[in-house]
Amino acid sequence: MGFVADPNTLSPDLRRAVLDVVGRHADQKTWDTLHELELKTQSIEQKGNFYDAMAGALSPELAKRTLPLSWRETSWRRGDYTVLRAICVPCHSSHRLSS
């Protein structure tokens, strides 16, 4: 993934859309990479993009892993509740978090 090594390889105008698709179809390794990138960035906007991508995962297991991250102080401080919305109001399943 060129973006991981050098974020400048992906136009800022495309980042959110690309991250959303990557997060939606993420496997465990990809989700972990998104999480690592989120932890490393200082940009509030980029943190939000990574959170949203992780929360949009089709895998119920990965979506469950994203929920506790939304309770971190930095998530609430930035005023981004989209992680909770993405997990709690999924468009593809009414029983996404049930196992």
C-alpha atoms as a PDB file:
ATOM      1  CA  MET A   1       0.000   0.000   0.000  1.00  0.00           C
ATOM      2  CA  GLY A   2       1.810   3.116  -1.234  1.00  0.00           C
ATOM      3  CA  PHE A   3      -0.311   5.367   0.972  1.00  0.00           C
ATOM      4  CA  VAL A   4       1.007   3.719   4.140  1.00  0.00           C
ATOM      5  CA  ALA A   5       4.602   4.429   3.179  1.00  0.00           C
ATOM      6  CA  ASP A   6       3.920   7.870   1.746  1.00  0.00           C
ATOM      7  CA  PRO A   7       0.492   9.508   2.232  1.00  0.00           C
ATOM      8  CA  ASN A   8       1.373  12.043  -0.467  1.00  0.00           C
ATOM      9  CA  THR A   9       0.892   9.308  -3.078  1.00  0.00           C
ATOM     10  CA  LEU A  10      -2.877   9.761  -2.700  1.00  0.00           C
ATOM     11  CA  SER A  11      -4.488  13.096  -3.470  1.00  0.00           C
ATOM     12  CA  PRO A  12      -6.042  14.680  -0.352  1.00  0.00           C
ATOM     13  CA  ASP A  13      -9.282  15.066  -2.324  1.00  0.00           C
ATOM     14  CA  LEU A  14      -9.515  11.288  -2.718  1.00  0.00           C
ATOM     15  CA  ARG A  15      -8.320  10.118   0.695  1.00  0.00           C
ATOM     16  CA  ARG A  16     -11.667   9.982   2.476  1.00  0.00           C
ATOM     17  CA  ALA A  17     -13.367   8.086  -0.345  1.00  0.00           C
ATOM     18  CA  VAL A  18     -10.497   5.622  -0.725  1.00  0.00           C
ATOM     19  CA  LEU A  19     -10.239   5.068   3.026  1.00  0.00           C
ATOM     20  CA  ASP A  20     -13.984   4.447   3.230  1.00  0.00           C
ATOM     21  CA  VAL A  21     -13.770   1.714   0.583  1.00  0.00           C
ATOM     22  CA  VAL A  22     -10.645   0.204   2.149  1.00  0.00           C
ATOM     23  CA  GLY A  23     -12.232   0.219   5.603  1.00  0.00           C
ATOM     24  CA  ARG A  24     -15.517  -1.201   4.350  1.00  0.00           C
ATOM     25  CA  HIS A  25     -13.784  -4.240   2.854  1.00  0.00           C
ATOM     26  CA  ALA A  26     -11.006  -4.511   5.434  1.00  0.00           C
ATOM     27  CA  ASP A  27      -9.646  -7.744   6.760  1.00  0.00           C
ATOM     28  CA  GLN A  28      -7.906  -7.927  10.130  1.00  0.00           C
ATOM     29  CA  LYS A  29      -4.513  -6.839   8.762  1.00  0.00           C
ATOM     30  CA  THR A  30      -5.981  -3.869   6.896  1.00  0.00           C
ATOM     31  CA  TRP A  31      -8.034  -2.785   9.935  1.00  0.00           C
ATOM     32  CA  ASP A  32      -4.869  -2.973  12.077  1.00  0.00           C
ATOM     33  CA  THR A  33      -3.027  -0.809   9.542  1.00  0.00           C
ATOM     34  CA  LEU A  34      -5.818   1.788   9.589  1.00  0.00           C
ATOM     35  CA  HIS A  35      -5.691   1.801  13.375  1.00  0.00           C
ATOM     36  CA  GLU A  36      -1.905   2.262  13.402  1.00  0.00           C
ATOM     37  CA  LEU A  37      -2.230   5.159  10.962  1.00  0.00           C
ATOM     38  CA  GLU A  38      -4.919   6.738  13.137  1.00  0.00           C
ATOM     39  CA  LEU A  39      -2.699   6.507  16.206  1.00  0.00           C
ATOM     40  CA  LYS A  40       0.266   8.068  14.385  1.00  0.00           C
ATOM     41  CA  THR A  41      -1.439  11.061  12.804  1.00  0.00           C
ATOM     42  CA  GLN A  42      -1.733  14.381  14.593  1.00  0.00           C
ATOM     43  CA  SER A  43      -4.378  15.640  12.177  1.00  0.00           C
ATOM     44  CA  ILE A  44      -7.873  15.666  13.672  1.00  0.00           C
ATOM     45  CA  GLU A  45      -9.328  15.423  10.154  1.00  0.00           C
ATOM     46  CA  GLN A  46      -7.221  12.373   9.320  1.00  0.00           C
ATOM     47  CA  LYS A  47      -8.066  10.724  12.653  1.00  0.00           C
ATOM     48  CA  GLY A  48     -11.720  11.131  11.745  1.00  0.00           C
ATOM     49  CA  ASN A  49     -11.163   9.630   8.316  1.00  0.00           C
ATOM     50  CA  PHE A  50      -9.426   6.599   9.809  1.00  0.00           C
ATOM     51  CA  TYR A  51     -12.102   6.143  12.510  1.00  0.00           C
ATOM     52  CA  ASP A  52     -14.848   6.348   9.915  1.00  0.00           C
ATOM     53  CA  ALA A  53     -13.068   3.822   7.705  1.00  0.00           C
ATOM     54  CA  MET A  54     -12.643   1.366  10.588  1.00  0.00           C
ATOM     55  CA  ALA A  55     -16.246   1.831  11.744  1.00  0.00           C
ATOM     56  CA  GLY A  56     -17.553   1.108   8.255  1.00  0.00           C
ATOM     57  CA  ALA A  57     -16.091  -2.400   8.156  1.00  0.00           C
ATOM     58  CA  LEU A  58     -18.525  -4.999   6.857  1.00  0.00           C
ATOM     59  CA  SER A  59     -17.032  -7.541   9.253  1.00  0.00           C
ATOM     60  CA  PRO A  60     -19.046  -7.501  12.506  1.00  0.00           C
ATOM     61  CA  GLU A  61     -15.928  -8.519  14.419  1.00  0.00           C
ATOM     62  CA  LEU A  62     -13.947  -5.550  13.124  1.00  0.00           C
ATOM     63  CA  ALA A  63     -16.853  -3.190  13.747  1.00  0.00           C
ATOM     64  CA  LYS A  64     -16.973  -4.435  17.352  1.00  0.00           C
ATOM     65  CA  ARG A  65     -13.270  -3.658  17.716  1.00  0.00           C
ATOM     66  CA  THR A  66     -13.891  -0.077  16.581  1.00  0.00           C
ATOM     67  CA  LEU A  67     -16.577   0.702  19.151  1.00  0.00           C
ATOM     68  CA  PRO A  68     -14.310   0.851  22.234  1.00  0.00           C
ATOM     69  CA  LEU A  69     -12.007   3.253  20.378  1.00  0.00           C
ATOM     70  CA  SER A  70     -14.855   5.721  20.123  1.00  0.00           C
ATOM     71  CA  TRP A  71     -14.894   6.061  23.915  1.00  0.00           C
ATOM     72  CA  ARG A  72     -11.375   7.456  24.022  1.00  0.00           C
ATOM     73  CA  GLU A  73     -11.189  11.039  25.199  1.00  0.00           C
ATOM     74  CA  THR A  74      -9.673  12.242  21.933  1.00  0.00           C
ATOM     75  CA  SER A  75     -12.672  10.922  20.008  1.00  0.00           C
ATOM     76  CA  TRP A  76     -15.153  12.855  22.101  1.00  0.00           C
ATOM     77  CA  ARG A  77     -13.010  15.954  22.217  1.00  0.00           C
ATOM     78  CA  ARG A  78     -12.989  16.220  18.458  1.00  0.00           C
ATOM     79  CA  GLY A  79     -16.784  15.999  18.453  1.00  0.00           C
ATOM     80  CA  ASP A  80     -16.956  13.105  16.010  1.00  0.00           C
ATOM     81  CA  TYR A  81     -19.844  10.792  16.730  1.00  0.00           C
ATOM     82  CA  THR A  82     -19.860   9.235  13.281  1.00  0.00           C
ATOM     83  CA  VAL A  83     -18.060   6.145  14.567  1.00  0.00           C
ATOM     84  CA  LEU A  84     -20.967   5.331  16.835  1.00  0.00           C
ATOM     85  CA  ARG A  85     -23.480   6.133  14.123  1.00  0.00           C
ATOM     86  CA  ALA A  86     -21.662   3.954  11.578  1.00  0.00           C
ATOM     87  CA  ILE A  87     -21.621   0.991  13.928  1.00  0.00           C
ATOM     88  CA  CYS A  88     -25.048   1.421  15.510  1.00  0.00           C
ATOM     89  CA  VAL A  89     -26.987   2.286  12.357  1.00  0.00           C
ATOM     90  CA  PRO A  90     -25.561  -0.021   9.721  1.00  0.00           C
ATOM     91  CA  CYS A  91     -27.054   0.078   6.261  1.00  0.00           C
ATOM     92  CA  HIS A  92     -26.449  -3.575   5.505  1.00  0.00           C
ATOM     93  CA  SER A  93     -27.719  -5.472   8.542  1.00  0.00           C
ATOM     94  CA  SER A  94     -30.073  -4.819  11.411  1.00  0.00           C
ATOM     95  CA  HIS A  95     -28.158  -7.304  13.552  1.00  0.00           C
ATOM     96  CA  ARG A  96     -24.609  -6.269  12.787  1.00  0.00           C
ATOM     97  CA  LEU A  97     -23.296  -6.429  16.358  1.00  0.00           C
ATOM     98  CA  SER A  98     -25.142  -9.527  17.453  1.00  0.00           C
ATOM     99  CA  SER A  99     -23.280 -12.803  17.422  1.00  0.00           C
END
